[in-house]
Structure formats: structure tokens, C-alpha cells
């Protein structure tokens, strides 16, 4: 991966985190492969594809208010992008349920997010 490709992916991911925090599902799904594999960090397991990701986020955001802000990016030896994020989760009343740092690892195919993994 060239430095330019890594910079482009970092910019795409930064935009995706902004869209997530704004609850902009159409923008998020537009950046994902149709058969994207996504972790269900809230309920457990994995969801696959746009319909399952949309349903997962709709359920999640009806119950909690997560905000995720990237703080560092690195390219893994296999070409995936690891993003260190600050994750704050609040309930609907505004009480903080979680405030922690985690790592999200992304795999791209044809400039679209094909898979994301959460590392604790």
C-alpha cells in the first residue's frame, strides 16, 4: 500500500466516524461493500450486509448514544487499517455507561469497507 492509499483510507475512515456520530446511515452504508461483515459490539456476534448493519444501528441508537472519535491510525502488515478510538457510550438520559479506548481494524476491498473487527 502506498502512502497516498493509506492517507486516502485514513480520510475515508475519519469521514465514517463523523457520519456514525451524526447517525448518517446512508453515508455509512455508501462506504461499505454490499456484503460487509460488521461486529455487533453491543449485542454480540456479527452482522453481514447493509440491511443487517442498518437494523443493528437502528436498534442500538434507539437504546444508547455511542460516540466514537479516532485518535490514531496505523497500517497493519496485511494492509488492514487499525484505528485507535475513544469510545463514549451514554444512555438516553445522558449517563455515561462506558468511556474507553478500543481498536477497530478495517479491511477494504475496492475502496469500500469489507470488514471491521473490534479489539479490546
N, C-alpha and C. Protein backbone atom coordinates (compact mmCIF):
# COMPACT_ATOMS: atom_id res chain seq x y z
N UNK A 1 0.85 -1.18 0.00
CA UNK A 1 0.00 0.00 0.00
C UNK A 1 0.89 1.24 0.00
N UNK A 2 0.57 2.17 -0.86
CA UNK A 2 1.35 3.40 -0.93
C UNK A 2 0.95 4.35 0.21
N UNK A 3 1.79 5.33 0.46
CA UNK A 3 1.46 6.34 1.47
C UNK A 3 0.17 7.07 1.10
N UNK A 4 -0.02 7.33 -0.20
CA UNK A 4 -1.23 8.02 -0.65
C UNK A 4 -2.47 7.18 -0.41
N UNK A 5 -2.39 5.88 -0.69
CA UNK A 5 -3.52 4.99 -0.44
C UNK A 5 -3.86 4.93 1.04
N UNK A 6 -2.83 4.86 1.88
CA UNK A 6 -3.06 4.86 3.33
C UNK A 6 -3.70 6.16 3.78
N UNK A 7 -3.24 7.29 3.23
CA UNK A 7 -3.82 8.58 3.59
C UNK A 7 -5.27 8.68 3.14
N UNK A 8 -5.57 8.14 1.95
CA UNK A 8 -6.95 8.14 1.45
C UNK A 8 -7.86 7.31 2.35
N UNK A 9 -7.39 6.14 2.76
CA UNK A 9 -8.19 5.29 3.64
C UNK A 9 -8.39 5.96 5.00
N UNK A 10 -7.37 6.60 5.52
CA UNK A 10 -7.50 7.31 6.80
C UNK A 10 -8.54 8.42 6.68
N UNK A 11 -8.52 9.16 5.57
CA UNK A 11 -9.51 10.22 5.37
C UNK A 11 -10.92 9.63 5.29
N UNK A 12 -11.06 8.50 4.54
CA UNK A 12 -12.37 7.85 4.44
C UNK A 12 -12.88 7.42 5.81
N UNK A 13 -11.99 6.82 6.59
CA UNK A 13 -12.40 6.35 7.92
C UNK A 13 -12.75 7.52 8.84
N UNK A 14 -12.00 8.60 8.78
CA UNK A 14 -12.33 9.78 9.58
C UNK A 14 -13.73 10.28 9.22
N UNK A 15 -14.03 10.33 7.93
CA UNK A 15 -15.37 10.73 7.49
C UNK A 15 -16.44 9.76 7.99
N UNK A 16 -16.11 8.46 8.01
CA UNK A 16 -17.08 7.48 8.50
C UNK A 16 -17.38 7.66 9.98
N UNK A 17 -16.36 7.95 10.77
CA UNK A 17 -16.61 8.19 12.20
C UNK A 17 -17.49 9.42 12.39
N UNK A 18 -17.26 10.46 11.60
CA UNK A 18 -18.13 11.64 11.68
C UNK A 18 -19.57 11.27 11.32
N UNK A 19 -19.73 10.48 10.26
CA UNK A 19 -21.09 10.06 9.86
C UNK A 19 -21.74 9.21 10.94
N UNK A 20 -20.96 8.31 11.56
CA UNK A 20 -21.50 7.48 12.64
C UNK A 20 -21.99 8.37 13.79
N UNK A 21 -21.18 9.32 14.19
CA UNK A 21 -21.55 10.19 15.30
C UNK A 21 -22.74 11.09 14.97
N UNK A 22 -22.98 11.31 13.67
CA UNK A 22 -24.14 12.09 13.22
C UNK A 22 -25.34 11.19 12.90
N UNK A 23 -25.16 9.87 13.04
CA UNK A 23 -26.21 8.87 12.79
C UNK A 23 -26.65 8.89 11.32
N UNK A 24 -25.71 9.10 10.43
CA UNK A 24 -25.98 9.20 8.99
C UNK A 24 -25.79 7.82 8.33
N UNK A 25 -26.79 6.97 8.47
CA UNK A 25 -26.71 5.61 7.95
C UNK A 25 -26.49 5.57 6.43
N UNK A 26 -27.17 6.40 5.62
CA UNK A 26 -26.91 6.33 4.18
C UNK A 26 -25.44 6.61 3.83
N UNK A 27 -24.82 7.58 4.45
CA UNK A 27 -23.40 7.86 4.17
C UNK A 27 -22.52 6.70 4.60
N UNK A 28 -22.82 6.10 5.73
CA UNK A 28 -22.04 4.97 6.21
C UNK A 28 -22.15 3.78 5.27
N UNK A 29 -23.36 3.43 4.89
CA UNK A 29 -23.55 2.27 4.02
C UNK A 29 -22.96 2.49 2.63
N UNK A 30 -22.95 3.72 2.16
CA UNK A 30 -22.38 4.02 0.85
C UNK A 30 -20.88 3.73 0.80
N UNK A 31 -20.24 3.73 1.96
CA UNK A 31 -18.79 3.47 2.04
C UNK A 31 -18.48 2.01 2.32
N UNK A 32 -19.50 1.17 2.36
CA UNK A 32 -19.31 -0.24 2.71
C UNK A 32 -19.68 -1.16 1.56
N UNK A 33 -18.94 -2.26 1.46
CA UNK A 33 -19.29 -3.29 0.49
C UNK A 33 -20.69 -3.81 0.80
N UNK A 34 -21.41 -4.23 -0.23
CA UNK A 34 -22.78 -4.71 -0.03
C UNK A 34 -22.83 -5.86 0.97
N UNK A 35 -21.81 -6.72 0.98
CA UNK A 35 -21.79 -7.87 1.89
C UNK A 35 -20.85 -7.64 3.08
N UNK A 36 -20.72 -6.38 3.51
CA UNK A 36 -19.84 -6.03 4.61
C UNK A 36 -20.06 -6.94 5.82
N UNK A 37 -18.99 -7.24 6.50
CA UNK A 37 -19.05 -8.03 7.74
C UNK A 37 -18.72 -7.07 8.88
N UNK A 38 -19.65 -6.91 9.83
CA UNK A 38 -19.56 -5.88 10.86
C UNK A 38 -19.80 -6.49 12.24
N UNK A 39 -18.98 -6.16 13.23
CA UNK A 39 -19.20 -6.71 14.56
C UNK A 39 -20.40 -6.04 15.25
N UNK A 40 -21.15 -6.84 15.95
CA UNK A 40 -22.24 -6.32 16.76
C UNK A 40 -21.66 -6.14 18.17
N UNK A 41 -21.00 -5.02 18.37
CA UNK A 41 -20.33 -4.75 19.63
C UNK A 41 -21.27 -4.53 20.79
N UNK A 42 -22.51 -4.30 20.51
CA UNK A 42 -23.48 -4.02 21.57
C UNK A 42 -24.17 -5.29 22.05
N UNK A 43 -24.64 -6.12 21.12
CA UNK A 43 -25.39 -7.33 21.49
C UNK A 43 -24.56 -8.60 21.38
N UNK A 44 -23.45 -8.51 20.67
CA UNK A 44 -22.60 -9.68 20.44
C UNK A 44 -22.81 -10.27 19.06
N UNK A 45 -21.81 -10.95 18.57
CA UNK A 45 -21.91 -11.59 17.26
C UNK A 45 -21.48 -10.67 16.14
N UNK A 46 -21.94 -11.01 14.95
CA UNK A 46 -21.58 -10.28 13.74
C UNK A 46 -22.81 -10.12 12.87
N UNK A 47 -22.88 -9.00 12.18
CA UNK A 47 -23.94 -8.79 11.19
C UNK A 47 -23.27 -8.71 9.82
N UNK A 48 -24.04 -9.03 8.79
CA UNK A 48 -23.47 -9.04 7.44
C UNK A 48 -24.43 -8.35 6.48
N UNK A 49 -23.89 -7.45 5.69
CA UNK A 49 -24.67 -6.78 4.66
C UNK A 49 -25.34 -5.51 5.15
N UNK A 50 -25.72 -4.69 4.19
CA UNK A 50 -26.30 -3.39 4.50
C UNK A 50 -27.57 -3.49 5.35
N UNK A 51 -28.45 -4.40 5.02
CA UNK A 51 -29.72 -4.49 5.76
C UNK A 51 -29.49 -4.84 7.23
N UNK A 52 -28.60 -5.80 7.49
CA UNK A 52 -28.34 -6.19 8.88
C UNK A 52 -27.60 -5.09 9.64
N UNK A 53 -26.68 -4.40 8.98
CA UNK A 53 -25.96 -3.30 9.65
C UNK A 53 -26.94 -2.17 9.97
N UNK A 54 -27.80 -1.82 9.03
CA UNK A 54 -28.80 -0.76 9.26
C UNK A 54 -29.71 -1.14 10.44
N UNK A 55 -30.19 -2.37 10.47
CA UNK A 55 -31.09 -2.81 11.54
C UNK A 55 -30.36 -2.78 12.88
N UNK A 56 -29.12 -3.22 12.89
CA UNK A 56 -28.32 -3.21 14.13
C UNK A 56 -28.17 -1.80 14.66
N UNK A 57 -27.74 -0.86 13.81
CA UNK A 57 -27.55 0.50 14.29
C UNK A 57 -28.88 1.14 14.71
N UNK A 58 -29.95 0.83 14.00
CA UNK A 58 -31.26 1.38 14.37
C UNK A 58 -31.66 0.91 15.77
N UNK A 59 -31.46 -0.38 16.05
CA UNK A 59 -31.76 -0.90 17.41
C UNK A 59 -30.84 -0.24 18.44
N UNK A 60 -29.56 -0.20 18.13
CA UNK A 60 -28.57 0.34 19.07
C UNK A 60 -28.88 1.80 19.42
N UNK A 61 -29.09 2.62 18.40
CA UNK A 61 -29.28 4.04 18.64
C UNK A 61 -30.64 4.36 19.27
N UNK A 62 -31.56 3.42 19.25
CA UNK A 62 -32.83 3.61 19.96
C UNK A 62 -32.63 3.45 21.47
N UNK A 63 -31.55 2.77 21.87
CA UNK A 63 -31.31 2.47 23.28
C UNK A 63 -30.15 3.25 23.91
N UNK A 64 -29.09 3.47 23.14
CA UNK A 64 -27.89 4.11 23.68
C UNK A 64 -27.36 5.15 22.70
N UNK A 65 -26.46 5.99 23.19
CA UNK A 65 -25.85 7.06 22.40
C UNK A 65 -24.33 6.89 22.38
N UNK A 66 -23.80 6.08 21.47
CA UNK A 66 -22.35 5.93 21.38
C UNK A 66 -21.73 7.05 20.54
N UNK A 67 -20.56 7.49 20.96
CA UNK A 67 -19.75 8.44 20.19
C UNK A 67 -18.35 7.84 20.11
N UNK A 68 -17.80 7.83 18.90
CA UNK A 68 -16.50 7.21 18.67
C UNK A 68 -15.62 8.20 17.91
N UNK A 69 -14.45 8.52 18.50
CA UNK A 69 -13.56 9.51 17.91
C UNK A 69 -12.19 8.86 17.67
N UNK A 70 -11.72 8.86 16.41
CA UNK A 70 -10.41 8.28 16.14
C UNK A 70 -9.29 9.14 16.72
N UNK A 71 -8.28 8.47 17.31
CA UNK A 71 -7.14 9.19 17.88
C UNK A 71 -5.82 8.79 17.23
N UNK A 72 -5.78 7.65 16.53
CA UNK A 72 -4.55 7.22 15.85
C UNK A 72 -4.90 6.19 14.78
N UNK A 73 -4.07 6.16 13.73
CA UNK A 73 -4.23 5.22 12.62
C UNK A 73 -2.89 4.53 12.38
N UNK A 74 -2.95 3.26 11.98
CA UNK A 74 -1.73 2.57 11.55
C UNK A 74 -2.11 1.52 10.52
N UNK A 75 -1.21 1.27 9.61
CA UNK A 75 -1.42 0.25 8.60
C UNK A 75 -0.77 -1.04 9.07
N UNK A 76 -1.56 -2.11 9.11
CA UNK A 76 -1.06 -3.41 9.52
C UNK A 76 -0.25 -4.04 8.39
N UNK A 77 0.55 -5.05 8.70
CA UNK A 77 1.38 -5.70 7.69
C UNK A 77 0.55 -6.36 6.59
N UNK A 78 -0.72 -6.71 6.90
CA UNK A 78 -1.59 -7.34 5.90
C UNK A 78 -2.42 -6.32 5.11
N UNK A 79 -2.15 -5.02 5.33
CA UNK A 79 -2.85 -3.97 4.60
C UNK A 79 -4.09 -3.43 5.28
N UNK A 80 -4.54 -4.10 6.34
CA UNK A 80 -5.70 -3.57 7.06
C UNK A 80 -5.30 -2.29 7.79
N UNK A 81 -6.29 -1.48 8.13
CA UNK A 81 -6.06 -0.23 8.84
C UNK A 81 -6.59 -0.38 10.27
N UNK A 82 -5.72 -0.16 11.25
CA UNK A 82 -6.11 -0.20 12.66
C UNK A 82 -6.32 1.23 13.14
N UNK A 83 -7.45 1.47 13.77
CA UNK A 83 -7.79 2.80 14.25
C UNK A 83 -8.01 2.73 15.76
N UNK A 84 -7.21 3.48 16.49
CA UNK A 84 -7.43 3.62 17.93
C UNK A 84 -8.51 4.68 18.11
N UNK A 85 -9.53 4.34 18.89
CA UNK A 85 -10.66 5.26 19.06
C UNK A 85 -10.98 5.46 20.54
N UNK A 86 -11.50 6.63 20.84
CA UNK A 86 -12.06 6.90 22.16
C UNK A 86 -13.55 6.70 22.02
N UNK A 87 -14.08 5.75 22.78
CA UNK A 87 -15.49 5.39 22.71
C UNK A 87 -16.19 5.81 23.99
N UNK A 88 -17.21 6.63 23.84
CA UNK A 88 -18.03 7.04 24.98
C UNK A 88 -19.46 6.60 24.68
N UNK A 89 -20.05 5.86 25.61
CA UNK A 89 -21.42 5.38 25.43
C UNK A 89 -22.26 5.94 26.58
N UNK A 90 -23.35 6.58 26.19
CA UNK A 90 -24.28 7.14 27.19
C UNK A 90 -25.66 6.53 27.00
N UNK A 91 -26.42 6.49 28.08
CA UNK A 91 -27.81 6.09 27.93
C UNK A 91 -28.59 7.29 27.42
N UNK A 92 -29.86 7.10 27.17
CA UNK A 92 -30.68 8.18 26.60
C UNK A 92 -30.86 9.36 27.56
N UNK A 93 -30.63 9.15 28.86
CA UNK A 93 -30.71 10.24 29.83
C UNK A 93 -29.39 11.00 29.93
N UNK A 94 -28.33 10.50 29.25
CA UNK A 94 -27.05 11.18 29.26
C UNK A 94 -26.04 10.63 30.25
N UNK A 95 -26.39 9.60 30.98
CA UNK A 95 -25.47 8.98 31.93
C UNK A 95 -24.41 8.18 31.16
N UNK A 96 -23.15 8.38 31.51
CA UNK A 96 -22.07 7.65 30.86
C UNK A 96 -22.06 6.20 31.31
N UNK A 97 -22.14 5.30 30.34
CA UNK A 97 -22.12 3.86 30.59
C UNK A 97 -20.72 3.28 30.36
N UNK A 98 -19.99 3.88 29.44
CA UNK A 98 -18.64 3.41 29.12
C UNK A 98 -17.84 4.58 28.57
N UNK A 99 -16.55 4.60 28.90
CA UNK A 99 -15.64 5.62 28.39
C UNK A 99 -14.29 4.93 28.31
N UNK A 100 -13.92 4.47 27.11
CA UNK A 100 -12.71 3.66 27.00
C UNK A 100 -12.07 3.82 25.62
N UNK A 101 -10.86 3.30 25.53
CA UNK A 101 -10.14 3.27 24.27
C UNK A 101 -10.17 1.85 23.73
N UNK A 102 -10.52 1.71 22.46
CA UNK A 102 -10.52 0.41 21.79
C UNK A 102 -9.87 0.59 20.41
N UNK A 103 -9.61 -0.53 19.76
CA UNK A 103 -9.06 -0.50 18.41
C UNK A 103 -10.03 -1.16 17.45
N UNK A 104 -10.28 -0.48 16.35
CA UNK A 104 -11.09 -1.00 15.26
C UNK A 104 -10.15 -1.31 14.11
N UNK A 105 -10.29 -2.48 13.51
CA UNK A 105 -9.43 -2.87 12.39
C UNK A 105 -10.31 -3.08 11.16
N UNK A 106 -9.95 -2.38 10.08
CA UNK A 106 -10.75 -2.38 8.85
C UNK A 106 -10.02 -3.06 7.71
N UNK A 107 -10.78 -3.80 6.92
CA UNK A 107 -10.29 -4.36 5.66
C UNK A 107 -11.09 -3.73 4.54
N UNK A 108 -10.39 -3.22 3.55
CA UNK A 108 -11.03 -2.60 2.39
C UNK A 108 -10.93 -3.52 1.19
N UNK A 109 -11.95 -3.49 0.34
CA UNK A 109 -11.93 -4.12 -0.97
C UNK A 109 -12.49 -3.10 -1.96
N UNK A 110 -11.72 -2.79 -2.97
CA UNK A 110 -12.14 -1.81 -3.98
C UNK A 110 -12.60 -0.49 -3.34
N UNK A 111 -11.83 0.00 -2.38
CA UNK A 111 -12.09 1.28 -1.71
C UNK A 111 -13.35 1.29 -0.84
N UNK A 112 -13.93 0.13 -0.58
CA UNK A 112 -15.08 0.04 0.31
C UNK A 112 -14.71 -0.79 1.53
N UNK A 113 -15.31 -0.45 2.67
CA UNK A 113 -15.09 -1.24 3.88
C UNK A 113 -15.75 -2.60 3.68
N UNK A 114 -14.95 -3.65 3.76
CA UNK A 114 -15.47 -5.01 3.59
C UNK A 114 -15.65 -5.70 4.94
N UNK A 115 -14.88 -5.25 5.95
CA UNK A 115 -14.95 -5.91 7.25
C UNK A 115 -14.37 -4.99 8.31
N UNK A 116 -14.94 -5.08 9.51
CA UNK A 116 -14.41 -4.37 10.66
C UNK A 116 -14.37 -5.33 11.83
N UNK A 117 -13.33 -5.21 12.62
CA UNK A 117 -13.14 -6.04 13.81
C UNK A 117 -12.86 -5.11 14.99
N UNK A 118 -13.39 -5.46 16.17
CA UNK A 118 -13.12 -4.68 17.38
C UNK A 118 -12.12 -5.47 18.24
N UNK A 119 -11.03 -4.80 18.59
CA UNK A 119 -10.05 -5.37 19.51
C UNK A 119 -10.17 -4.63 20.83
N UNK A 120 -10.32 -5.35 21.90
CA UNK A 120 -10.46 -4.72 23.22
C UNK A 120 -9.10 -4.40 23.80
